Amino acid sequence: MPKMKTHSRAKKTFKVTGSGKIKRAKAYKAHILTKKTAKRKKHLGKSALVHDSDTPRIKLLLNI
């Protein structure tokens, strides 16, 4: 049986922390930034964790 390939987009998008949780970037910071407040844009720049219910699906894509 051949090896499973890692999902190419997922390996660029998600990072695994030391404790095994998965980090992700926040959405809505690509365009139409003039109407968003500076505080909102600043908070969107920070990373977040993938929700517990979505973690198994992401781990499948990453072959973890």
Protein backbone atom coordinates (compact mmCIF):
# COMPACT_ATOMS: atom_id res chain seq x y z
CA MET A 1 0.00 0.00 0.00
CA PRO A 2 1.46 3.44 -0.92
CA LYS A 3 2.23 6.14 1.61
CA MET A 4 -0.47 8.71 2.36
CA LYS A 5 0.39 12.13 1.02
CA THR A 6 0.18 15.18 3.26
CA HIS A 7 -2.33 17.80 2.10
CA SER A 8 -0.12 20.53 0.60
CA ARG A 9 -2.32 23.48 1.56
CA ALA A 10 -2.77 22.19 5.12
CA LYS A 11 0.96 21.95 5.80
CA LYS A 12 1.34 25.62 4.78
CA THR A 13 -1.71 26.75 6.76
CA PHE A 14 -1.49 24.94 10.10
CA LYS A 15 1.31 24.50 12.63
CA VAL A 16 1.40 21.97 15.47
CA THR A 17 2.29 23.27 18.93
CA GLY A 18 4.51 21.42 21.38
CA SER A 19 1.48 20.10 23.27
CA GLY A 20 -0.08 18.74 20.05
CA LYS A 21 -2.70 21.45 19.50
CA ILE A 22 -3.02 23.03 16.05
CA LYS A 23 -2.51 26.75 15.40
CA ARG A 24 -4.28 28.62 12.62
CA ALA A 25 -4.43 32.16 11.27
CA LYS A 26 -7.56 34.24 11.68
CA ALA A 27 -9.72 35.11 8.67
CA TYR A 28 -10.93 38.50 7.34
CA LYS A 29 -7.57 40.27 7.13
CA ALA A 30 -6.96 40.04 3.37
CA HIS A 31 -8.85 43.00 1.87
CA ILE A 32 -11.41 45.75 2.57
CA LEU A 33 -9.32 46.87 5.53
CA THR A 34 -10.29 50.54 5.45
CA LYS A 35 -13.62 50.03 7.21
CA LYS A 36 -12.12 47.80 9.93
CA THR A 37 -10.80 49.47 13.07
CA ALA A 38 -7.11 49.37 13.97
CA LYS A 39 -7.92 47.30 17.06
CA ARG A 40 -9.81 44.73 15.00
CA LYS A 41 -7.01 44.44 12.43
CA LYS A 42 -4.43 44.10 15.20
CA HIS A 43 -6.33 41.23 16.80
CA LEU A 44 -6.87 39.51 13.44
CA GLY A 45 -3.10 39.36 12.96
CA LYS A 46 -2.65 37.06 15.95
CA SER A 47 -2.92 33.30 15.69
CA ALA A 48 -5.65 31.14 17.18
CA LEU A 49 -6.13 27.46 17.96
CA VAL A 50 -8.24 25.11 15.88
CA HIS A 51 -11.41 24.09 17.73
CA ASP A 52 -11.37 20.67 19.41
CA SER A 53 -14.15 19.36 17.16
CA ASP A 54 -12.17 20.22 14.00
CA THR A 55 -8.78 18.95 15.23
CA PRO A 56 -9.19 15.29 14.11
CA ARG A 57 -10.02 16.41 10.55
CA ILE A 58 -6.98 18.68 10.35
CA LYS A 59 -4.74 15.96 11.79
CA LEU A 60 -5.92 13.62 9.02
CA LEU A 61 -4.86 16.18 6.43
CA LEU A 62 -1.47 16.58 8.10
CA ASN A 63 -0.95 12.82 8.62
CA ILE A 64 -0.37 13.21 12.37
